[in-house]
C-alpha atoms as a PDB file:
ATOM      1  CA  UNK A   1      24.233 289.175  13.575  1.00  0.00           C
ATOM      2  CA  UNK A   2      21.978 286.181  12.853  1.00  0.00           C
ATOM      3  CA  UNK A   3      18.363 286.592  13.944  1.00  0.00           C
ATOM      4  CA  UNK A   4      18.693 283.422  16.037  1.00  0.00           C
ATOM      5  CA  UNK A   5      21.003 285.450  18.311  1.00  0.00           C
ATOM      6  CA  UNK A   6      18.546 288.307  18.824  1.00  0.00           C
ATOM      7  CA  UNK A   7      16.362 288.172  21.925  1.00  0.00           C
ATOM      8  CA  UNK A   8      13.854 290.827  22.940  1.00  0.00           C
ATOM      9  CA  UNK A   9      12.383 290.018  26.353  1.00  0.00           C
ATOM     10  CA  UNK A  10       9.362 291.775  27.745  1.00  0.00           C
ATOM     11  CA  UNK A  11       9.691 293.684  30.997  1.00  0.00           C
ATOM     12  CA  UNK A  12       8.404 290.798  33.124  1.00  0.00           C
ATOM     13  CA  UNK A  13      10.563 288.294  31.242  1.00  0.00           C
ATOM     14  CA  UNK A  14      13.610 290.475  31.796  1.00  0.00           C
ATOM     15  CA  UNK A  15      12.829 290.837  35.511  1.00  0.00           C
ATOM     16  CA  UNK A  16      12.417 287.068  35.831  1.00  0.00           C
ATOM     17  CA  UNK A  17      15.661 286.467  33.945  1.00  0.00           C
ATOM     18  CA  UNK A  18      17.613 288.816  36.211  1.00  0.00           C
ATOM     19  CA  UNK A  19      15.986 287.242  39.299  1.00  0.00           C
ATOM     20  CA  UNK A  20      16.952 283.744  38.143  1.00  0.00           C
ATOM     21  CA  UNK A  21      20.525 284.872  37.441  1.00  0.00           C
ATOM     22  CA  UNK A  22      20.782 286.540  40.872  1.00  0.00           C
ATOM     23  CA  UNK A  23      19.471 283.420  42.612  1.00  0.00           C
ATOM     24  CA  UNK A  24      22.004 281.275  40.778  1.00  0.00           C
ATOM     25  CA  UNK A  25      19.311 279.309  38.949  1.00  0.00           C
ATOM     26  CA  UNK A  26      20.620 280.344  35.548  1.00  0.00           C
ATOM     27  CA  UNK A  27      24.056 280.945  34.056  1.00  0.00           C
ATOM     28  CA  UNK A  28      23.329 283.774  31.612  1.00  0.00           C
ATOM     29  CA  UNK A  29      26.035 283.029  29.003  1.00  0.00           C
ATOM     30  CA  UNK A  30      25.068 279.331  28.946  1.00  0.00           C
ATOM     31  CA  UNK A  31      21.368 280.178  28.681  1.00  0.00           C
ATOM     32  CA  UNK A  32      21.943 282.552  25.768  1.00  0.00           C
ATOM     33  CA  UNK A  33      24.201 280.083  23.940  1.00  0.00           C
ATOM     34  CA  UNK A  34      21.651 277.281  24.362  1.00  0.00           C
ATOM     35  CA  UNK A  35      18.772 279.534  23.271  1.00  0.00           C
ATOM     36  CA  UNK A  36      20.681 280.714  20.194  1.00  0.00           C
ATOM     37  CA  UNK A  37      21.518 277.108  19.290  1.00  0.00           C
ATOM     38  CA  UNK A  38      17.875 276.042  19.764  1.00  0.00           C
ATOM     39  CA  UNK A  39      16.729 278.935  17.578  1.00  0.00           C
ATOM     40  CA  UNK A  40      18.744 277.567  14.645  1.00  0.00           C
ATOM     41  CA  UNK A  41      16.042 274.928  14.117  1.00  0.00           C
ATOM     42  CA  UNK A  42      12.343 275.714  13.817  1.00  0.00           C
ATOM     43  CA  UNK A  43      11.412 272.587  15.784  1.00  0.00           C
ATOM     44  CA  UNK A  44      13.359 273.721  18.869  1.00  0.00           C
ATOM     45  CA  UNK A  45      13.146 277.502  18.565  1.00  0.00           C
ATOM     46  CA  UNK A  46      11.230 279.586  21.076  1.00  0.00           C
ATOM     47  CA  UNK A  47       9.165 282.659  20.303  1.00  0.00           C
ATOM     48  CA  UNK A  48       9.591 284.304  23.686  1.00  0.00           C
ATOM     49  CA  UNK A  49      12.811 284.693  25.653  1.00  0.00           C
ATOM     50  CA  UNK A  50      10.979 283.541  28.776  1.00  0.00           C
ATOM     51  CA  UNK A  51      10.252 280.173  27.116  1.00  0.00           C
ATOM     52  CA  UNK A  52      13.970 279.373  27.146  1.00  0.00           C
ATOM     53  CA  UNK A  53      14.253 280.550  30.740  1.00  0.00           C
ATOM     54  CA  UNK A  54      11.242 278.566  31.976  1.00  0.00           C
ATOM     55  CA  UNK A  55      12.853 275.327  30.783  1.00  0.00           C
ATOM     56  CA  UNK A  56      15.893 276.047  32.958  1.00  0.00           C
ATOM     57  CA  UNK A  57      14.155 277.037  36.197  1.00  0.00           C
ATOM     58  CA  UNK A  58      11.312 274.512  36.174  1.00  0.00           C
ATOM     59  CA  UNK A  59      13.040 272.252  38.730  1.00  0.00           C
ATOM     60  CA  UNK A  60      13.473 275.019  41.297  1.00  0.00           C
ATOM     61  CA  UNK A  61      10.385 277.058  40.527  1.00  0.00           C
ATOM     62  CA  UNK A  62       9.522 280.027  38.405  1.00  0.00           C
ATOM     63  CA  UNK A  63      10.804 282.988  40.382  1.00  0.00           C
ATOM     64  CA  UNK A  64       8.796 286.130  40.877  1.00  0.00           C
ATOM     65  CA  UNK A  65      10.950 289.239  41.269  1.00  0.00           C
ATOM     66  CA  UNK A  66      10.484 291.218  44.470  1.00  0.00           C
ATOM     67  CA  UNK A  67       9.455 294.312  42.532  1.00  0.00           C
ATOM     68  CA  UNK A  68       6.623 292.452  40.823  1.00  0.00           C
ATOM     69  CA  UNK A  69       5.394 290.627  43.942  1.00  0.00           C
ATOM     70  CA  UNK A  70       5.492 293.854  45.998  1.00  0.00           C
ATOM     71  CA  UNK A  71       3.514 295.695  43.316  1.00  0.00           C
ATOM     72  CA  UNK A  72       0.971 292.851  43.147  1.00  0.00           C
ATOM     73  CA  UNK A  73       0.547 292.901  46.942  1.00  0.00           C
ATOM     74  CA  UNK A  74      -0.011 296.668  46.854  1.00  0.00           C
ATOM     75  CA  UNK A  75      -2.591 296.362  44.072  1.00  0.00           C
ATOM     76  CA  UNK A  76      -4.391 293.568  45.952  1.00  0.00           C
ATOM     77  CA  UNK A  77      -4.590 295.756  49.087  1.00  0.00           C
ATOM     78  CA  UNK A  78      -5.884 298.758  47.122  1.00  0.00           C
ATOM     79  CA  UNK A  79      -8.566 296.657  45.444  1.00  0.00           C
ATOM     80  CA  UNK A  80      -9.610 295.110  48.758  1.00  0.00           C
ATOM     81  CA  UNK A  81      -9.910 298.578  50.314  1.00  0.00           C
ATOM     82  CA  UNK A  82     -11.827 299.929  47.321  1.00  0.00           C
ATOM     83  CA  UNK A  83     -14.445 297.164  47.413  1.00  0.00           C
ATOM     84  CA  UNK A  84     -14.448 296.846  51.199  1.00  0.00           C
ATOM     85  CA  UNK A  85     -13.172 293.273  51.448  1.00  0.00           C
ATOM     86  CA  UNK A  86     -12.240 292.022  54.925  1.00  0.00           C
ATOM     87  CA  UNK A  87      -8.527 292.021  55.720  1.00  0.00           C
ATOM     88  CA  UNK A  88      -6.611 288.728  55.478  1.00  0.00           C
ATOM     89  CA  UNK A  89      -7.658 286.417  58.281  1.00  0.00           C
ATOM     90  CA  UNK A  90     -10.979 288.161  58.955  1.00  0.00           C
ATOM     91  CA  UNK A  91     -14.311 286.572  58.079  1.00  0.00           C
END
């Protein structure tokens, strides 16, 4: 298999890819074909899998998977509690 056809996404990149596919923002076979074709030429190749995805979802927004946003919300709450920040809406 040519190296231009090998993609190794990070965990967040994979989650974003699956979220974009689920939301209908990306057709996975088309995305992979286009990314493999772009990777044939150094001028158009992308280092990260998410770089190819970002180009496709820019018009509709870069999605954040529910799992990631829920985890971020939980971390934000834990930090706020730990440093005694007022709850949202309180001054």
